[in-house]
Protein backbone atom coordinates (compact mmCIF):
# COMPACT_ATOMS: atom_id res chain seq x y z
CA UNK A 1 6.68 10.63 6.18
CA UNK A 2 7.57 11.00 9.77
CA UNK A 3 5.54 9.40 12.59
CA UNK A 4 5.09 10.20 15.99
CA UNK A 5 4.60 7.46 18.50
CA UNK A 6 3.58 8.26 22.29
CA UNK A 7 4.44 5.82 24.86
CA UNK A 8 1.64 5.70 27.88
CA UNK A 9 3.57 3.48 30.86
CA UNK A 10 1.56 3.38 33.33
CA UNK A 11 -1.62 3.27 32.14
CA UNK A 12 -2.98 7.12 32.31
CA UNK A 13 -6.21 7.76 30.85
CA UNK A 14 -5.43 11.96 30.21
CA UNK A 15 -2.47 10.77 28.65
CA UNK A 16 -3.76 8.94 25.75
CA UNK A 17 -6.64 11.40 25.09
CA UNK A 18 -3.61 13.95 25.02
CA UNK A 19 -2.16 11.71 22.38
CA UNK A 20 -5.41 11.10 20.40
CA UNK A 21 -5.92 15.02 20.21
CA UNK A 22 -2.71 15.82 19.79
CA UNK A 23 -2.66 13.78 16.36
CA UNK A 24 0.00 10.91 17.51
CA UNK A 25 0.30 8.42 14.57
CA UNK A 26 0.35 5.13 17.35
CA UNK A 27 0.27 4.97 21.37
CA UNK A 28 1.81 2.40 23.16
CA UNK A 29 0.46 0.85 26.41
CA UNK A 30 1.01 -1.90 28.70
CA UNK A 31 -0.73 -5.23 27.73
CA UNK A 32 -4.13 -5.39 28.90
CA UNK A 33 -5.20 -2.19 28.03
CA UNK A 34 -5.19 -1.84 24.19
CA UNK A 35 -9.08 -2.28 24.53
CA UNK A 36 -9.47 1.07 26.61
CA UNK A 37 -7.38 2.88 24.01
CA UNK A 38 -9.71 1.68 21.18
CA UNK A 39 -12.43 2.93 23.43
CA UNK A 40 -11.19 6.41 23.38
CA UNK A 41 -10.46 6.86 19.51
CA UNK A 42 -9.32 5.08 16.52
CA UNK A 43 -6.04 4.65 16.61
CA UNK A 44 -2.95 2.09 15.92
CA UNK A 45 -1.67 0.53 19.09
CA UNK A 46 1.42 -1.11 19.88
CA UNK A 47 1.66 -3.90 23.34
CA UNK A 48 1.61 -7.30 23.83
CA UNK A 49 -1.77 -7.35 22.51
CA UNK A 50 -1.83 -4.73 20.04
CA UNK A 51 -2.18 -4.06 16.37
CA UNK A 52 1.48 -4.30 16.43
CA UNK A 53 2.87 -6.54 19.01
CA UNK A 54 6.05 -5.61 20.71
CA UNK A 55 8.32 -8.55 20.69
CA UNK A 56 7.43 -9.63 17.65
CA UNK A 57 6.51 -6.17 15.10
CA UNK A 58 8.50 -3.99 17.58
CA UNK A 59 11.01 -4.71 19.49
CA UNK A 60 13.63 -2.50 21.84
CA UNK A 61 17.14 -2.72 21.34
CA UNK A 62 19.65 -0.96 24.31
CA UNK A 63 22.54 0.19 22.55
CA UNK A 64 25.90 -0.99 24.68
CA UNK A 65 28.54 -0.76 22.19
CA UNK A 66 29.49 0.17 18.57
CA UNK A 67 29.47 -3.31 17.74
CA UNK A 68 25.38 -3.39 18.01
CA UNK A 69 25.48 -1.37 14.72
CA UNK A 70 25.64 -4.59 12.39
CA UNK A 71 22.92 -6.44 14.33
CA UNK A 72 20.57 -3.15 14.44
CA UNK A 73 20.95 -3.13 10.75
CA UNK A 74 19.94 -6.42 10.54
CA UNK A 75 16.67 -6.60 12.84
CA UNK A 76 15.54 -3.32 11.10
CA UNK A 77 15.00 -5.67 7.52
CA UNK A 78 12.17 -7.18 8.88
CA UNK A 79 11.04 -5.53 12.66
CA UNK A 80 10.70 -1.89 13.85
CA UNK A 81 13.42 -1.53 16.26
CA UNK A 82 13.04 1.22 18.63
CA UNK A 83 16.71 2.00 20.25
CA UNK A 84 17.51 3.01 23.82
CA UNK A 85 20.45 4.73 24.52
CA UNK A 86 22.08 7.10 27.18
CA UNK A 87 25.08 8.38 24.78
CA UNK A 88 24.13 8.28 21.70
CA UNK A 89 27.82 8.81 20.76
CA UNK A 90 28.25 4.82 20.60
CA UNK A 91 26.49 4.71 17.68
CA UNK A 92 25.46 8.10 16.18
CA UNK A 93 22.02 7.58 14.75
CA UNK A 94 23.56 9.55 11.26
CA UNK A 95 25.65 6.39 11.05
CA UNK A 96 22.32 4.02 10.89
CA UNK A 97 20.48 6.54 8.60
CA UNK A 98 23.38 6.39 6.28
CA UNK A 99 23.32 2.84 5.88
CA UNK A 100 19.54 2.85 5.21
CA UNK A 101 17.99 1.60 8.86
CA UNK A 102 14.57 2.14 9.40
CA UNK A 103 15.12 2.87 13.21
CA UNK A 104 12.44 4.56 16.21
CA UNK A 105 14.44 6.56 18.60
CA UNK A 106 12.93 7.09 21.96
CA UNK A 107 13.18 10.44 23.27
CA UNK A 108 11.89 12.10 26.17
CA UNK A 109 11.89 16.07 25.26
CA UNK A 110 10.94 18.14 22.62
CA UNK A 111 14.99 19.33 22.26
CA UNK A 112 16.11 15.52 21.28
CA UNK A 113 13.00 14.93 18.90
CA UNK A 114 14.48 18.08 16.94
CA UNK A 115 17.57 16.39 16.84
CA UNK A 116 16.35 12.94 15.85
CA UNK A 117 14.34 14.33 12.99
CA UNK A 118 17.12 16.19 11.67
CA UNK A 119 20.26 14.27 11.50
CA UNK A 120 21.42 14.16 8.26
CA UNK A 121 18.80 16.70 7.38
CA UNK A 122 16.87 13.28 6.58
CA UNK A 123 16.80 12.52 9.96
CA UNK A 124 14.80 9.40 11.64
CA UNK A 125 11.27 8.64 9.94
CA UNK A 126 9.85 7.76 13.56
CA UNK A 127 10.16 8.81 16.86
CA UNK A 128 8.43 6.98 20.59
CA UNK A 129 7.88 9.75 23.13
CA UNK A 130 7.42 9.25 26.46
CA UNK A 131 6.45 12.11 29.13
CA UNK A 132 4.40 11.67 32.13
CA UNK A 133 2.95 15.59 31.93
CA UNK A 134 0.37 16.06 29.70
CA UNK A 135 0.94 19.25 29.02
CA UNK A 136 4.03 18.49 28.44
CA UNK A 137 2.93 16.07 25.61
CA UNK A 138 0.42 18.39 24.36
CA UNK A 139 2.95 20.98 23.82
CA UNK A 140 5.41 18.52 22.10
CA UNK A 141 3.17 17.01 19.75
CA UNK A 142 1.89 20.40 18.78
CA UNK A 143 5.61 22.07 17.78
CA UNK A 144 6.57 17.93 15.94
CA UNK A 145 3.35 18.10 13.87
CA UNK A 146 4.57 21.57 12.38
CA UNK A 147 7.66 20.71 11.82
CA UNK A 148 7.46 19.15 8.86
CA UNK A 149 10.54 19.54 6.10
CA UNK A 150 11.40 22.36 4.51
CA UNK A 151 10.48 22.03 0.71
CA UNK A 152 13.21 24.26 -1.48
CA UNK A 153 11.86 27.24 -3.36
CA UNK A 154 13.13 29.12 -6.01
CA UNK A 155 12.21 32.40 -8.31
CA UNK A 156 11.00 31.87 -11.66
CA UNK A 157 10.28 34.79 -14.24
CA UNK A 158 7.05 34.74 -16.41
CA UNK A 159 7.48 34.67 -19.88
CA UNK A 160 4.30 34.41 -20.94
CA UNK A 161 0.58 33.71 -20.06
CA UNK A 162 -2.04 32.51 -22.85
CA UNK A 163 -5.45 31.70 -22.90
CA UNK A 164 -5.99 27.60 -23.85
CA UNK A 165 -9.95 27.09 -24.09
CA UNK A 166 -12.22 25.03 -21.55
CA UNK A 167 -10.96 22.13 -19.45
CA UNK A 168 -12.08 20.22 -16.43
CA UNK A 169 -10.84 22.39 -13.08
CA UNK A 170 -9.77 21.14 -10.09
CA UNK A 171 -10.44 22.89 -6.82
CA UNK A 172 -8.74 21.07 -3.75
CA UNK A 173 -10.43 21.97 -0.52
CA UNK A 174 -8.68 21.10 2.26
CA UNK A 175 -9.37 20.71 6.50
CA UNK A 176 -6.90 23.42 6.91
CA UNK A 177 -7.30 27.37 6.98
CA UNK A 178 -4.73 28.58 4.99
CA UNK A 179 -3.15 32.20 5.81
CA UNK A 180 -1.18 34.56 3.64
CA UNK A 181 1.36 33.30 2.08
CA UNK A 182 0.21 29.22 2.04
CA UNK A 183 -0.49 27.01 -0.81
CA UNK A 184 -0.19 24.07 -2.56
CA UNK A 185 2.46 23.14 -5.47
CA UNK A 186 0.86 22.37 -8.53
CA UNK A 187 2.48 21.92 -12.05
CA UNK A 188 2.28 20.29 -15.32
CA UNK A 189 5.65 18.56 -14.72
CA UNK A 190 6.58 16.81 -11.42
CA UNK A 191 10.01 18.47 -11.84
CA UNK A 192 8.30 21.76 -11.86
CA UNK A 193 5.72 22.99 -8.88
CA UNK A 194 4.09 26.47 -8.79
CA UNK A 195 3.01 27.89 -5.08
CA UNK A 196 -0.56 28.08 -6.03
CA UNK A 197 -2.17 30.78 -3.38
CA UNK A 198 -4.77 29.23 -1.40
CA UNK A 199 -8.62 31.43 -1.67
CA UNK A 200 -7.36 33.23 1.48
CA UNK A 201 -7.48 36.70 -0.03
CA UNK A 202 -10.50 39.25 0.03
CA UNK A 203 -11.91 40.47 -3.14
CA UNK A 204 -15.14 42.33 -3.77
CA UNK A 205 -16.76 39.06 -5.98
CA UNK A 206 -16.46 36.39 -3.33
CA UNK A 207 -15.82 35.59 0.08
CA UNK A 208 -12.19 33.98 1.05
CA UNK A 209 -11.89 30.48 1.00
CA UNK A 210 -9.09 30.17 2.87
CA UNK A 211 -9.18 25.91 3.61
CA UNK A 212 -9.11 26.07 -0.89
CA UNK A 213 -6.14 25.95 -3.40
CA UNK A 214 -8.26 26.44 -7.11
CA UNK A 215 -5.59 23.98 -8.36
CA UNK A 216 -5.45 23.54 -12.21
CA UNK A 217 -6.50 20.94 -14.37
CA UNK A 218 -7.08 17.19 -13.81
CA UNK A 219 -3.58 16.40 -15.42
CA UNK A 220 -1.44 18.45 -12.88
CA UNK A 221 0.74 16.92 -10.53
CA UNK A 222 0.44 18.33 -6.82
CA UNK A 223 3.35 17.33 -3.92
CA UNK A 224 2.18 14.87 -1.09
CA UNK A 225 3.69 13.47 1.92
CA UNK A 226 6.40 11.12 1.73
CA UNK A 227 8.41 13.19 -1.16
CA UNK A 228 5.72 11.88 -3.50
CA UNK A 229 3.29 13.76 -6.46
CA UNK A 230 -0.23 12.85 -7.00
CA UNK A 231 -2.08 13.79 -10.29
CA UNK A 232 -4.94 15.96 -8.89
CA UNK A 233 -7.36 13.74 -10.40
CA UNK A 234 -6.11 11.07 -8.23
CA UNK A 235 -7.16 13.26 -4.76
CA UNK A 236 -10.02 12.09 -2.54
CA UNK A 237 -11.18 12.80 0.44
CA UNK A 238 -9.58 11.49 3.25
CA UNK A 239 -6.14 12.07 1.33
CA UNK A 240 -3.08 13.86 2.39
CA UNK A 241 -1.93 16.91 0.89
CA UNK A 242 1.39 19.30 1.04
CA UNK A 243 0.71 22.67 2.41
CA UNK A 244 3.72 24.76 1.89
CA UNK A 245 4.31 28.46 2.68
CA UNK A 246 6.56 30.77 0.69
CA UNK A 247 9.54 30.25 2.77
CA UNK A 248 9.15 26.66 2.12
CA UNK A 249 7.81 25.58 5.70
CA UNK A 250 5.46 22.59 4.88
CA UNK A 251 2.52 20.98 6.71
CA UNK A 252 -0.02 17.98 5.89
CA UNK A 253 -3.15 18.90 5.07
CA UNK A 254 -6.24 16.88 4.79
CA UNK A 255 -8.64 16.88 1.38
CA UNK A 256 -12.06 17.65 2.41
CA UNK A 257 -13.48 17.10 -1.19
CA UNK A 258 -12.57 18.28 -4.92
CA UNK A 259 -15.05 20.30 -6.84
CA UNK A 260 -14.17 19.15 -10.64
CA UNK A 261 -15.96 21.88 -13.22
CA UNK A 262 -15.32 23.30 -16.50
CA UNK A 263 -13.79 26.26 -16.23
CA UNK A 264 -11.74 28.86 -19.09
CA UNK A 265 -8.13 27.32 -18.94
CA UNK A 266 -4.61 29.94 -19.07
CA UNK A 267 -1.32 28.37 -19.54
CA UNK A 268 1.15 30.27 -17.51
CA UNK A 269 4.89 30.31 -18.80
CA UNK A 270 8.05 30.93 -17.08
CA UNK A 271 11.85 30.32 -16.70
CA UNK A 272 14.48 29.19 -13.99
CA UNK A 273 17.62 29.87 -15.13
CA UNK A 274 18.17 28.41 -18.82
CA UNK A 275 14.96 25.52 -17.96
CA UNK A 276 11.86 26.76 -19.44
CA UNK A 277 8.69 25.50 -17.13
CA UNK A 278 4.81 25.71 -16.86
CA UNK A 279 1.24 25.30 -15.49
CA UNK A 280 -2.45 25.71 -16.77
CA UNK A 281 -4.29 27.37 -14.20
CA UNK A 282 -8.40 28.86 -14.24
CA UNK A 283 -8.58 32.13 -16.02
CA UNK A 284 -9.91 33.98 -13.30
CA UNK A 285 -8.82 37.26 -10.82
CA UNK A 286 -9.30 34.65 -8.00
CA UNK A 287 -6.63 32.33 -8.70
CA UNK A 288 -3.33 33.15 -7.96
CA UNK A 289 0.46 32.37 -7.64
CA UNK A 290 2.94 33.52 -4.85
CA UNK A 291 6.02 35.85 -5.48
CA UNK A 292 9.31 35.79 -3.45
CA UNK A 293 7.55 37.96 -0.64
CA UNK A 294 4.74 35.74 0.11
CA UNK A 295 2.23 38.17 -1.58
CA UNK A 296 -0.24 36.73 -3.94
CA UNK A 297 -0.25 37.52 -7.86
CA UNK A 298 -3.36 37.24 -9.54
CA UNK A 299 -2.65 35.02 -12.51
CA UNK A 300 -4.85 37.44 -15.09
CA UNK A 301 -2.69 40.35 -13.91
CA UNK A 302 0.64 38.21 -14.40
CA UNK A 303 3.50 39.73 -17.13
CA UNK A 304 6.62 38.88 -18.37
CA UNK A 305 8.92 39.44 -16.09
CA UNK A 306 7.32 39.13 -13.04
CA UNK A 307 8.21 36.81 -10.55
CA UNK A 308 6.53 33.84 -8.63
CA UNK A 309 7.93 30.88 -6.44
CA UNK A 310 8.35 27.25 -7.81
CA UNK A 311 10.17 24.02 -6.46
CA UNK A 312 12.41 22.39 -9.08
CA UNK A 313 14.04 18.85 -8.40
CA UNK A 314 16.03 16.84 -10.85
CA UNK A 315 15.43 13.09 -12.12
CA UNK A 316 12.14 11.87 -12.63
CA UNK A 317 8.58 10.23 -10.79
CA UNK A 318 7.49 6.63 -11.18
CA UNK A 319 4.02 6.43 -10.15
CA UNK A 320 4.79 9.47 -8.11
CA UNK A 321 8.28 8.22 -6.58
CA UNK A 322 11.49 10.08 -7.45
CA UNK A 323 13.56 8.44 -9.42
CA UNK A 324 16.95 8.79 -11.18
CA UNK A 325 16.17 9.10 -14.33
CA UNK A 326 16.02 12.12 -17.42
CA UNK A 327 12.33 12.27 -18.43
CA UNK A 328 11.60 15.08 -21.09
CA UNK A 329 7.86 16.50 -20.10
CA UNK A 330 6.30 19.34 -22.44
């Protein structure tokens, strides 16, 4: 998962509060100012006397020549290495990323951050952002936090919808007000997840709940940050989940609570190419999948031939982590 550290040097209270309000993951300050950061908010600090200590846990490395690549790789095995370089062509970041180096790129602009995060599609996991302009920091954090990885979505064709009886259904109430075309990826198999639409649609029976996804039964998988999955029943307040729109854009949502209740369920079967996939959802008009145009499609109105969006992946999962292994789930 991407992390954004903010460097505040020299000390500037306004820059620290801007970083906190913008969702920075950590703040780097000069020695002696860690306590002042903690007075303003709960966040990880990087300093000689911080949570992560510069010179011990975190080191700066100034790239001078292509010969530095091997040393950077070695250092990154047990330390967080912040790279400083005026000419990134000396050792292209993609070389280090391809070799598995967990490095942090120091950047001074939104454009440089985009480049660092986007290299080899995977990009670096961390950046250290340094500016002395609070407006620039606020704008950059806002834009960077909305630039999560895209999810590849495919079109599936519905082949059958049948009632299956009662079960324990999970509503995921997030701390995000979702809009039309947004929801969460849910499925019976971690390799085939349906885009279940948020309850952001008005109807005559109940007020919209744009923070909620009526996701499915306790056994179902959902996508979470870090390219992992979790069972719905394993989620709890404070956990992070992936919110996805119909174009595949993603953002991180925070779970506020789960509501688990006995409800009538229905099995939705679909096909993508020659692959049959399925999910189970509550049998109610307000539960919707998402069609290729981003429109919400009520599960009670689904019929064979209708098209909905899904995320398909190869391989299997072990404790939520993707693995290269053939696993059959029916």
